[in-house]
PDB file of N, CA and C in Angstrom:
ATOM      1  N   MET A   1      26.300 104.802 110.437  1.00  0.00           N
ATOM      2  CA  MET A   1      27.695 104.411 110.535  1.00  0.00           C
ATOM      3  C   MET A   1      28.267 104.063 109.173  1.00  0.00           C
ATOM      4  N   SER A   2      27.533 103.310 108.375  1.00  0.00           N
ATOM      5  CA  SER A   2      28.046 102.909 107.069  1.00  0.00           C
ATOM      6  C   SER A   2      28.172 104.102 106.132  1.00  0.00           C
ATOM      7  N   ASP A   3      27.324 105.143 106.328  1.00  0.00           N
ATOM      8  CA  ASP A   3      27.437 106.345 105.509  1.00  0.00           C
ATOM      9  C   ASP A   3      28.743 107.070 105.783  1.00  0.00           C
ATOM     10  N   VAL A   4      29.163 107.086 107.034  1.00  0.00           N
ATOM     11  CA  VAL A   4      30.419 107.735 107.393  1.00  0.00           C
ATOM     12  C   VAL A   4      31.588 106.978 106.770  1.00  0.00           C
ATOM     13  N   ILE A   5      31.543 105.678 106.861  1.00  0.00           N
ATOM     14  CA  ILE A   5      32.610 104.860 106.283  1.00  0.00           C
ATOM     15  C   ILE A   5      32.645 105.034 104.772  1.00  0.00           C
ATOM     16  N   ARG A   6      31.483 105.053 104.147  1.00  0.00           N
ATOM     17  CA  ARG A   6      31.409 105.238 102.692  1.00  0.00           C
ATOM     18  C   ARG A   6      31.970 106.601 102.297  1.00  0.00           C
ATOM     19  N   SER A   7      31.624 107.626 103.042  1.00  0.00           N
ATOM     20  CA  SER A   7      32.101 108.978 102.771  1.00  0.00           C
ATOM     21  C   SER A   7      33.623 109.053 102.920  1.00  0.00           C
ATOM     22  N   GLU A   8      34.157 108.473 103.975  1.00  0.00           N
ATOM     23  CA  GLU A   8      35.604 108.476 104.194  1.00  0.00           C
ATOM     24  C   GLU A   8      36.331 107.708 103.099  1.00  0.00           C
ATOM     25  N   ARG A   9      35.766 106.581 102.700  1.00  0.00           N
ATOM     26  CA  ARG A   9      36.384 105.775 101.653  1.00  0.00           C
ATOM     27  C   ARG A   9      36.383 106.516 100.323  1.00  0.00           C
ATOM     28  N   LEU A  10      35.254 107.152  99.975  1.00  0.00           N
ATOM     29  CA  LEU A  10      35.184 107.915  98.732  1.00  0.00           C
ATOM     30  C   LEU A  10      36.141 109.105  98.773  1.00  0.00           C
ATOM     31  N   ALA A  11      36.234 109.780  99.913  1.00  0.00           N
ATOM     32  CA  ALA A  11      37.158 110.907 100.047  1.00  0.00           C
ATOM     33  C   ALA A  11      38.598 110.456  99.838  1.00  0.00           C
ATOM     34  N   GLU A  12      38.941 109.292 100.356  1.00  0.00           N
ATOM     35  CA  GLU A  12      40.305 108.772 100.185  1.00  0.00           C
ATOM     36  C   GLU A  12      40.579 108.410  98.723  1.00  0.00           C
ATOM     37  N   TYR A  13      39.594 107.801  98.043  1.00  0.00           N
ATOM     38  CA  TYR A  13      39.749 107.498  96.618  1.00  0.00           C
ATOM     39  C   TYR A  13      39.910 108.778  95.805  1.00  0.00           C
ATOM     40  N   VAL A  14      39.097 109.783  96.102  1.00  0.00           N
ATOM     41  CA  VAL A  14      39.174 111.051  95.377  1.00  0.00           C
ATOM     42  C   VAL A  14      40.545 111.685  95.601  1.00  0.00           C
ATOM     43  N   LYS A  15      41.027 111.663  96.831  1.00  0.00           N
ATOM     44  CA  LYS A  15      42.344 112.231  97.146  1.00  0.00           C
ATOM     45  C   LYS A  15      43.437 111.539  96.332  1.00  0.00           C
ATOM     46  N   GLU A  16      43.381 110.215  96.295  1.00  0.00           N
ATOM     47  CA  GLU A  16      44.385 109.436  95.565  1.00  0.00           C
ATOM     48  C   GLU A  16      44.338 109.738  94.061  1.00  0.00           C
ATOM     49  N   LYS A  17      43.146 109.763  93.496  1.00  0.00           N
ATOM     50  CA  LYS A  17      43.013 109.959  92.046  1.00  0.00           C
ATOM     51  C   LYS A  17      43.300 111.397  91.630  1.00  0.00           C
ATOM     52  N   VAL A  18      42.926 112.368  92.460  1.00  0.00           N
ATOM     53  CA  VAL A  18      43.250 113.764  92.140  1.00  0.00           C
ATOM     54  C   VAL A  18      44.770 113.947  92.205  1.00  0.00           C
ATOM     55  N   SER A  19      45.416 113.304  93.155  1.00  0.00           N
ATOM     56  CA  SER A  19      46.881 113.360  93.240  1.00  0.00           C
ATOM     57  C   SER A  19      47.521 112.797  91.977  1.00  0.00           C
ATOM     58  N   GLU A  20      46.988 111.670  91.511  1.00  0.00           N
ATOM     59  CA  GLU A  20      47.503 111.076  90.272  1.00  0.00           C
ATOM     60  C   GLU A  20      47.315 112.027  89.099  1.00  0.00           C
ATOM     61  N   PHE A  21      46.133 112.631  88.989  1.00  0.00           N
ATOM     62  CA  PHE A  21      45.857 113.558  87.899  1.00  0.00           C
ATOM     63  C   PHE A  21      46.833 114.734  87.933  1.00  0.00           C
ATOM     64  N   ILE A  22      47.018 115.322  89.106  1.00  0.00           N
ATOM     65  CA  ILE A  22      47.934 116.470  89.224  1.00  0.00           C
ATOM     66  C   ILE A  22      49.344 116.055  88.848  1.00  0.00           C
ATOM     67  N   SER A  23      49.756 114.893  89.290  1.00  0.00           N
ATOM     68  CA  SER A  23      51.094 114.404  88.970  1.00  0.00           C
ATOM     69  C   SER A  23      51.291 114.251  87.465  1.00  0.00           C
ATOM     70  N   ARG A  24      50.267 113.785  86.772  1.00  0.00           N
ATOM     71  CA  ARG A  24      50.361 113.564  85.334  1.00  0.00           C
ATOM     72  C   ARG A  24      50.257 114.848  84.520  1.00  0.00           C
ATOM     73  N   GLU A  25      49.417 115.785  84.974  1.00  0.00           N
ATOM     74  CA  GLU A  25      49.062 116.930  84.146  1.00  0.00           C
ATOM     75  C   GLU A  25      49.765 118.238  84.501  1.00  0.00           C
ATOM     76  N   SER A  26      50.378 118.337  85.664  1.00  0.00           N
ATOM     77  CA  SER A  26      51.007 119.611  86.034  1.00  0.00           C
ATOM     78  C   SER A  26      52.337 119.765  85.301  1.00  0.00           C
ATOM     79  N   ASN A  27      52.833 120.995  85.272  1.00  0.00           N
ATOM     80  CA  ASN A  27      54.096 121.255  84.575  1.00  0.00           C
ATOM     81  C   ASN A  27      55.304 121.024  85.470  1.00  0.00           C
ATOM     82  N   HIS A  28      55.094 120.597  86.691  1.00  0.00           N
ATOM     83  CA  HIS A  28      56.138 120.234  87.653  1.00  0.00           C
ATOM     84  C   HIS A  28      57.050 121.406  88.016  1.00  0.00           C
ATOM     85  N   SER A  29      56.548 122.633  87.892  1.00  0.00           N
ATOM     86  CA  SER A  29      57.335 123.790  88.318  1.00  0.00           C
ATOM     87  C   SER A  29      57.156 124.052  89.812  1.00  0.00           C
ATOM     88  N   SER A  30      56.221 123.344  90.424  1.00  0.00           N
ATOM     89  CA  SER A  30      56.009 123.468  91.865  1.00  0.00           C
ATOM     90  C   SER A  30      55.554 122.125  92.415  1.00  0.00           C
ATOM     91  N   LEU A  31      55.716 121.966  93.710  1.00  0.00           N
ATOM     92  CA  LEU A  31      55.289 120.746  94.381  1.00  0.00           C
ATOM     93  C   LEU A  31      53.862 120.951  94.866  1.00  0.00           C
ATOM     94  N   ILE A  32      52.938 120.153  94.342  1.00  0.00           N
ATOM     95  CA  ILE A  32      51.524 120.257  94.700  1.00  0.00           C
ATOM     96  C   ILE A  32      51.155 118.988  95.465  1.00  0.00           C
ATOM     97  N   THR A  33      50.651 119.171  96.684  1.00  0.00           N
ATOM     98  CA  THR A  33      50.275 118.045  97.529  1.00  0.00           C
ATOM     99  C   THR A  33      48.803 118.148  97.894  1.00  0.00           C
ATOM    100  N   VAL A  34      48.067 117.082  97.669  1.00  0.00           N
ATOM    101  CA  VAL A  34      46.675 117.028  98.113  1.00  0.00           C
ATOM    102  C   VAL A  34      46.709 116.614  99.576  1.00  0.00           C
ATOM    103  N   THR A  35      46.286 117.528 100.453  1.00  0.00           N
ATOM    104  CA  THR A  35      46.365 117.254 101.886  1.00  0.00           C
ATOM    105  C   THR A  35      45.095 116.617 102.434  1.00  0.00           C
ATOM    106  N   ARG A  36      43.949 116.979 101.855  1.00  0.00           N
ATOM    107  CA  ARG A  36      42.680 116.449 102.380  1.00  0.00           C
ATOM    108  C   ARG A  36      41.575 116.660 101.355  1.00  0.00           C
ATOM    109  N   VAL A  37      40.546 115.827 101.433  1.00  0.00           N
ATOM    110  CA  VAL A  37      39.337 115.999 100.634  1.00  0.00           C
ATOM    111  C   VAL A  37      38.155 115.997 101.591  1.00  0.00           C
ATOM    112  N   ASP A  38      37.370 117.055 101.532  1.00  0.00           N
ATOM    113  CA  ASP A  38      36.157 117.152 102.352  1.00  0.00           C
ATOM    114  C   ASP A  38      34.948 117.002 101.440  1.00  0.00           C
ATOM    115  N   LEU A  39      34.081 116.024 101.742  1.00  0.00           N
ATOM    116  CA  LEU A  39      32.858 115.811 100.983  1.00  0.00           C
ATOM    117  C   LEU A  39      31.666 116.225 101.826  1.00  0.00           C
ATOM    118  N   ASP A  40      30.629 116.761 101.177  1.00  0.00           N
ATOM    119  CA  ASP A  40      29.420 117.106 101.923  1.00  0.00           C
ATOM    120  C   ASP A  40      28.646 115.825 102.244  1.00  0.00           C
ATOM    121  N   ASN A  41      27.598 115.948 103.015  1.00  0.00           N
ATOM    122  CA  ASN A  41      26.839 114.772 103.470  1.00  0.00           C
ATOM    123  C   ASN A  41      26.204 113.994 102.329  1.00  0.00           C
ATOM    124  N   SER A  42      25.815 114.696 101.261  1.00  0.00           N
ATOM    125  CA  SER A  42      25.171 114.018 100.141  1.00  0.00           C
ATOM    126  C   SER A  42      26.165 113.417  99.156  1.00  0.00           C
ATOM    127  N   LEU A  43      27.446 113.691  99.353  1.00  0.00           N
ATOM    128  CA  LEU A  43      28.537 113.221  98.485  1.00  0.00           C
ATOM    129  C   LEU A  43      28.446 113.795  97.066  1.00  0.00           C
ATOM    130  N   LYS A  44      27.712 114.884  96.898  1.00  0.00           N
ATOM    131  CA  LYS A  44      27.566 115.493  95.577  1.00  0.00           C
ATOM    132  C   LYS A  44      28.637 116.533  95.301  1.00  0.00           C
ATOM    133  N   THR A  45      29.149 117.170  96.334  1.00  0.00           N
ATOM    134  CA  THR A  45      30.201 118.175  96.159  1.00  0.00           C
ATOM    135  C   THR A  45      31.308 117.916  97.165  1.00  0.00           C
ATOM    136  N   GLY A  46      32.479 118.378  96.797  1.00  0.00           N
ATOM    137  CA  GLY A  46      33.619 118.209  97.679  1.00  0.00           C
ATOM    138  C   GLY A  46      34.635 119.310  97.465  1.00  0.00           C
ATOM    139  N   THR A  47      35.512 119.442  98.439  1.00  0.00           N
ATOM    140  CA  THR A  47      36.571 120.421  98.385  1.00  0.00           C
ATOM    141  C   THR A  47      37.894 119.686  98.534  1.00  0.00           C
ATOM    142  N   VAL A  48      38.801 119.944  97.600  1.00  0.00           N
ATOM    143  CA  VAL A  48      40.133 119.361  97.649  1.00  0.00           C
ATOM    144  C   VAL A  48      41.066 120.428  98.206  1.00  0.00           C
ATOM    145  N   LEU A  49      41.694 120.137  99.328  1.00  0.00           N
ATOM    146  CA  LEU A  49      42.621 121.065  99.955  1.00  0.00           C
ATOM    147  C   LEU A  49      44.026 120.688  99.536  1.00  0.00           C
ATOM    148  N   ILE A  50      44.798 121.682  99.076  1.00  0.00           N
ATOM    149  CA  ILE A  50      46.138 121.421  98.572  1.00  0.00           C
ATOM    150  C   ILE A  50      47.143 122.339  99.245  1.00  0.00           C
ATOM    151  N   SER A  51      48.387 121.899  99.226  1.00  0.00           N
ATOM    152  CA  SER A  51      49.490 122.768  99.635  1.00  0.00           C
ATOM    153  C   SER A  51      50.432 122.862  98.440  1.00  0.00           C
ATOM    154  N   VAL A  52      51.061 124.021  98.295  1.00  0.00           N
ATOM    155  CA  VAL A  52      51.910 124.293  97.140  1.00  0.00           C
ATOM    156  C   VAL A  52      53.246 124.845  97.616  1.00  0.00           C
ATOM    157  N   LEU A  53      54.318 124.300  97.091  1.00  0.00           N
ATOM    158  CA  LEU A  53      55.656 124.832  97.328  1.00  0.00           C
ATOM    159  C   LEU A  53      56.317 125.108  95.987  1.00  0.00           C
ATOM    160  N   PRO A  54      56.893 126.229  95.753  1.00  0.00           N
ATOM    161  CA  PRO A  54      56.995 127.405  96.608  1.00  0.00           C
ATOM    162  C   PRO A  54      55.665 128.124  96.702  1.00  0.00           C
ATOM    163  N   GLU A  55      55.483 128.854  97.798  1.00  0.00           N
ATOM    164  CA  GLU A  55      54.204 129.483  98.090  1.00  0.00           C
ATOM    165  C   GLU A  55      53.808 130.545  97.062  1.00  0.00           C
ATOM    166  N   ASP A  56      54.783 131.140  96.384  1.00  0.00           N
ATOM    167  CA  ASP A  56      54.444 132.181  95.407  1.00  0.00           C
ATOM    168  C   ASP A  56      53.754 131.618  94.169  1.00  0.00           C
ATOM    169  N   LYS A  57      53.700 130.312  94.031  1.00  0.00           N
ATOM    170  CA  LYS A  57      53.025 129.663  92.903  1.00  0.00           C
ATOM    171  C   LYS A  57      51.588 129.253  93.233  1.00  0.00           C
ATOM    172  N   GLU A  58      51.121 129.529  94.455  1.00  0.00           N
ATOM    173  CA  GLU A  58      49.797 129.073  94.885  1.00  0.00           C
ATOM    174  C   GLU A  58      48.684 129.558  93.965  1.00  0.00           C
ATOM    175  N   GLU A  59      48.684 130.837  93.652  1.00  0.00           N
ATOM    176  CA  GLU A  59      47.609 131.390  92.829  1.00  0.00           C
ATOM    177  C   GLU A  59      47.617 130.773  91.432  1.00  0.00           C
ATOM    178  N   GLU A  60      48.798 130.579  90.876  1.00  0.00           N
ATOM    179  CA  GLU A  60      48.931 129.963  89.553  1.00  0.00           C
ATOM    180  C   GLU A  60      48.392 128.532  89.565  1.00  0.00           C
ATOM    181  N   VAL A  61      48.703 127.782  90.610  1.00  0.00           N
ATOM    182  CA  VAL A  61      48.261 126.386  90.728  1.00  0.00           C
ATOM    183  C   VAL A  61      46.744 126.316  90.892  1.00  0.00           C
ATOM    184  N   ILE A  62      46.187 127.173  91.743  1.00  0.00           N
ATOM    185  CA  ILE A  62      44.728 127.181  91.937  1.00  0.00           C
ATOM    186  C   ILE A  62      44.036 127.510  90.621  1.00  0.00           C
ATOM    187  N   HIS A  63      44.566 128.479  89.897  1.00  0.00           N
ATOM    188  CA  HIS A  63      43.977 128.843  88.599  1.00  0.00           C
ATOM    189  C   HIS A  63      44.030 127.653  87.636  1.00  0.00           C
ATOM    190  N   PHE A  64      45.163 126.956  87.593  1.00  0.00           N
ATOM    191  CA  PHE A  64      45.317 125.777  86.735  1.00  0.00           C
ATOM    192  C   PHE A  64      44.287 124.705  87.106  1.00  0.00           C
ATOM    193  N   LEU A  65      44.149 124.416  88.398  1.00  0.00           N
ATOM    194  CA  LEU A  65      43.243 123.356  88.834  1.00  0.00           C
ATOM    195  C   LEU A  65      41.777 123.723  88.595  1.00  0.00           C
ATOM    196  N   LYS A  66      41.425 124.970  88.812  1.00  0.00           N
ATOM    197  CA  LYS A  66      40.039 125.382  88.561  1.00  0.00           C
ATOM    198  C   LYS A  66      39.718 125.341  87.068  1.00  0.00           C
ATOM    199  N   ARG A  67      40.694 125.655  86.226  1.00  0.00           N
ATOM    200  CA  ARG A  67      40.501 125.543  84.776  1.00  0.00           C
ATOM    201  C   ARG A  67      40.302 124.091  84.360  1.00  0.00           C
ATOM    202  N   ARG A  68      40.982 123.191  85.015  1.00  0.00           N
ATOM    203  CA  ARG A  68      40.961 121.774  84.639  1.00  0.00           C
ATOM    204  C   ARG A  68      39.972 120.955  85.461  1.00  0.00           C
ATOM    205  N   ARG A  69      39.057 121.625  86.166  1.00  0.00           N
ATOM    206  CA  ARG A  69      38.086 120.933  87.020  1.00  0.00           C
ATOM    207  C   ARG A  69      37.302 119.854  86.271  1.00  0.00           C
ATOM    208  N   SER A  70      36.840 120.162  85.068  1.00  0.00           N
ATOM    209  CA  SER A  70      36.053 119.172  84.318  1.00  0.00           C
ATOM    210  C   SER A  70      36.928 117.989  83.905  1.00  0.00           C
ATOM    211  N   ASP A  71      38.197 118.240  83.590  1.00  0.00           N
ATOM    212  CA  ASP A  71      39.108 117.139  83.260  1.00  0.00           C
ATOM    213  C   ASP A  71      39.354 116.259  84.483  1.00  0.00           C
ATOM    214  N   VAL A  72      39.479 116.878  85.642  1.00  0.00           N
ATOM    215  CA  VAL A  72      39.664 116.113  86.878  1.00  0.00           C
ATOM    216  C   VAL A  72      38.442 115.239  87.125  1.00  0.00           C
ATOM    217  N   ARG A  73      37.268 115.807  86.940  1.00  0.00           N
ATOM    218  CA  ARG A  73      36.027 115.045  87.168  1.00  0.00           C
ATOM    219  C   ARG A  73      35.927 113.871  86.189  1.00  0.00           C
ATOM    220  N   ASN A  74      36.282 114.099  84.920  1.00  0.00           N
ATOM    221  CA  ASN A  74      36.278 113.009  83.941  1.00  0.00           C
ATOM    222  C   ASN A  74      37.289 111.933  84.315  1.00  0.00           C
ATOM    223  N   TYR A  75      38.445 112.339  84.834  1.00  0.00           N
ATOM    224  CA  TYR A  75      39.448 111.374  85.285  1.00  0.00           C
ATOM    225  C   TYR A  75      38.888 110.545  86.446  1.00  0.00           C
ATOM    226  N   LEU A  76      38.193 111.217  87.354  1.00  0.00           N
ATOM    227  CA  LEU A  76      37.577 110.492  88.467  1.00  0.00           C
ATOM    228  C   LEU A  76      36.515 109.517  87.968  1.00  0.00           C
ATOM    229  N   LYS A  77      35.708 109.949  86.996  1.00  0.00           N
ATOM    230  CA  LYS A  77      34.668 109.069  86.447  1.00  0.00           C
ATOM    231  C   LYS A  77      35.262 107.800  85.868  1.00  0.00           C
ATOM    232  N   SER A  78      36.402 107.933  85.206  1.00  0.00           N
ATOM    233  CA  SER A  78      36.984 106.762  84.560  1.00  0.00           C
ATOM    234  C   SER A  78      37.809 105.901  85.516  1.00  0.00           C
ATOM    235  N   ASN A  79      38.116 106.414  86.710  1.00  0.00           N
ATOM    236  CA  ASN A  79      38.983 105.663  87.618  1.00  0.00           C
ATOM    237  C   ASN A  79      38.362 105.289  88.954  1.00  0.00           C
ATOM    238  N   ILE A  80      37.165 105.788  89.251  1.00  0.00           N
ATOM    239  CA  ILE A  80      36.492 105.428  90.504  1.00  0.00           C
ATOM    240  C   ILE A  80      35.161 104.782  90.154  1.00  0.00           C
ATOM    241  N   ARG A  81      34.939 103.614  90.716  1.00  0.00           N
ATOM    242  CA  ARG A  81      33.691 102.898  90.444  1.00  0.00           C
ATOM    243  C   ARG A  81      32.673 103.215  91.529  1.00  0.00           C
ATOM    244  N   THR A  82      31.860 104.221  91.253  1.00  0.00           N
ATOM    245  CA  THR A  82      30.786 104.586  92.169  1.00  0.00           C
ATOM    246  C   THR A  82      29.677 105.233  91.355  1.00  0.00           C
ATOM    247  N   ARG A  83      28.490 105.235  91.925  1.00  0.00           N
ATOM    248  CA  ARG A  83      27.355 105.821  91.216  1.00  0.00           C
ATOM    249  C   ARG A  83      27.533 107.312  90.998  1.00  0.00           C
ATOM    250  N   MET A  84      27.981 107.972  92.030  1.00  0.00           N
ATOM    251  CA  MET A  84      28.009 109.423  91.999  1.00  0.00           C
ATOM    252  C   MET A  84      29.438 109.945  92.168  1.00  0.00           C
ATOM    253  N   ILE A  85      29.888 110.736  91.209  1.00  0.00           N
ATOM    254  CA  ILE A  85      31.180 111.403  91.304  1.00  0.00           C
ATOM    255  C   ILE A  85      30.913 112.835  91.768  1.00  0.00           C
ATOM    256  N   PRO A  86      31.539 113.262  92.858  1.00  0.00           N
ATOM    257  CA  PRO A  86      31.252 114.605  93.365  1.00  0.00           C
ATOM    258  C   PRO A  86      31.838 115.702  92.468  1.00  0.00           C
ATOM    259  N   PHE A  87      31.147 116.834  92.420  1.00  0.00           N
ATOM    260  CA  PHE A  87      31.711 118.026  91.807  1.00  0.00           C
ATOM    261  C   PHE A  87      32.705 118.587  92.811  1.00  0.00           C
ATOM    262  N   ILE A  88      33.901 118.924  92.356  1.00  0.00           N
ATOM    263  CA  ILE A  88      34.929 119.336  93.305  1.00  0.00           C
ATOM    264  C   ILE A  88      35.411 120.748  93.035  1.00  0.00           C
ATOM    265  N   ASP A  89      35.923 121.345  94.103  1.00  0.00           N
ATOM    266  CA  ASP A  89      36.548 122.651  94.039  1.00  0.00           C
ATOM    267  C   ASP A  89      37.900 122.532  94.730  1.00  0.00           C
ATOM    268  N   PHE A  90      38.793 123.454  94.438  1.00  0.00           N
ATOM    269  CA  PHE A  90      40.142 123.419  94.995  1.00  0.00           C
ATOM    270  C   PHE A  90      40.399 124.664  95.820  1.00  0.00           C
ATOM    271  N   ILE A  91      41.005 124.473  96.991  1.00  0.00           N
ATOM    272  CA  ILE A  91      41.430 125.605  97.812  1.00  0.00           C
ATOM    273  C   ILE A  91      42.781 125.273  98.449  1.00  0.00           C
ATOM    274  N   ILE A  92      43.479 126.313  98.882  1.00  0.00           N
ATOM    275  CA  ILE A  92      44.741 126.141  99.587  1.00  0.00           C
ATOM    276  C   ILE A  92      44.429 125.729 101.031  1.00  0.00           C
ATOM    277  N   ASP A  93      45.165 124.771 101.541  1.00  0.00           N
ATOM    278  CA  ASP A  93      44.977 124.282 102.904  1.00  0.00           C
ATOM    279  C   ASP A  93      45.651 125.240 103.876  1.00  0.00           C
ATOM    280  N   LYS A  94      44.875 126.136 104.455  1.00  0.00           N
ATOM    281  CA  LYS A  94      45.403 127.126 105.403  1.00  0.00           C
ATOM    282  C   LYS A  94      45.841 126.452 106.703  1.00  0.00           C
ATOM    283  N   GLY A  95      45.200 125.371 107.077  1.00  0.00           N
ATOM    284  CA  GLY A  95      45.582 124.653 108.290  1.00  0.00           C
ATOM    285  C   GLY A  95      47.004 124.138 108.202  1.00  0.00           C
ATOM    286  N   GLU A  96      47.382 123.638 107.058  1.00  0.00           N
ATOM    287  CA  GLU A  96      48.742 123.148 106.855  1.00  0.00           C
ATOM    288  C   GLU A  96      49.733 124.302 106.928  1.00  0.00           C
ATOM    289  N   LYS A  97      49.380 125.437 106.334  1.00  0.00           N
ATOM    290  CA  LYS A  97      50.261 126.605 106.383  1.00  0.00           C
ATOM    291  C   LYS A  97      50.424 127.085 107.820  1.00  0.00           C
ATOM    292  N   ASN A  98      49.331 127.089 108.581  1.00  0.00           N
ATOM    293  CA  ASN A  98      49.407 127.500 109.980  1.00  0.00           C
ATOM    294  C   ASN A  98      50.246 126.536 110.800  1.00  0.00           C
ATOM    295  N   ARG A  99      50.133 125.256 110.521  1.00  0.00           N
ATOM    296  CA  ARG A  99      50.937 124.262 111.230  1.00  0.00           C
ATOM    297  C   ARG A  99      52.417 124.482 110.965  1.00  0.00           C
ATOM    298  N   GLN A 100      52.769 124.774 109.715  1.00  0.00           N
ATOM    299  CA  GLN A 100      54.166 125.028 109.368  1.00  0.00           C
ATOM    300  C   GLN A 100      54.688 126.277 110.071  1.00  0.00           C
ATOM    301  N   LEU A 101      53.838 127.300 110.156  1.00  0.00           N
ATOM    302  CA  LEU A 101      54.222 128.531 110.838  1.00  0.00           C
ATOM    303  C   LEU A 101      54.477 128.269 112.318  1.00  0.00           C
ATOM    304  N   VAL A 102      53.625 127.489 112.958  1.00  0.00           N
ATOM    305  CA  VAL A 102      53.815 127.152 114.359  1.00  0.00           C
ATOM    306  C   VAL A 102      55.104 126.370 114.541  1.00  0.00           C
ATOM    307  N   ASP A 103      55.389 125.427 113.641  1.00  0.00           N
ATOM    308  CA  ASP A 103      56.634 124.657 113.710  1.00  0.00           C
ATOM    309  C   ASP A 103      57.847 125.580 113.626  1.00  0.00           C
ATOM    310  N   GLU A 104      57.795 126.567 112.717  1.00  0.00           N
ATOM    311  CA  GLU A 104      58.904 127.510 112.574  1.00  0.00           C
ATOM    312  C   GLU A 104      59.083 128.333 113.843  1.00  0.00           C
ATOM    313  N   LEU A 105      57.971 128.771 114.425  1.00  0.00           N
ATOM    314  CA  LEU A 105      58.047 129.591 115.629  1.00  0.00           C
ATOM    315  C   LEU A 105      58.572 128.818 116.830  1.00  0.00           C
ATOM    316  N   LEU A 106      58.299 127.528 116.876  1.00  0.00           N
ATOM    317  CA  LEU A 106      58.745 126.707 117.992  1.00  0.00           C
ATOM    318  C   LEU A 106      60.229 126.351 117.918  1.00  0.00           C
ATOM    319  N   GLN A 107      60.832 126.509 116.775  1.00  0.00           N
ATOM    320  CA  GLN A 107      62.248 126.127 116.630  1.00  0.00           C
ATOM    321  C   GLN A 107      63.176 127.265 116.968  1.00  0.00           C
TER     322      GLN A 107
END
């Protein structure tokens, strides 16, 4: 039980700090939102799911974030007090896109 709570707490901290990093370092030509962070059971790796508006900037944003992965990890090291900082990857949150599509279809 405590492992689940620890994992959820670390995921929330990572989400908050990655959001701060993106806010500080992006060129603000698009709206980038961190929707969720998924960590594996060992807390060594994680996936940051993002949504991007406008959608035509998604590939550019993913490329930017993957290039800056080591900077993001260093930012996490300096701002999160934990033994282990997970290695992270970035992907577009398809679930959020599907939810938006369903909302559009229902209206």
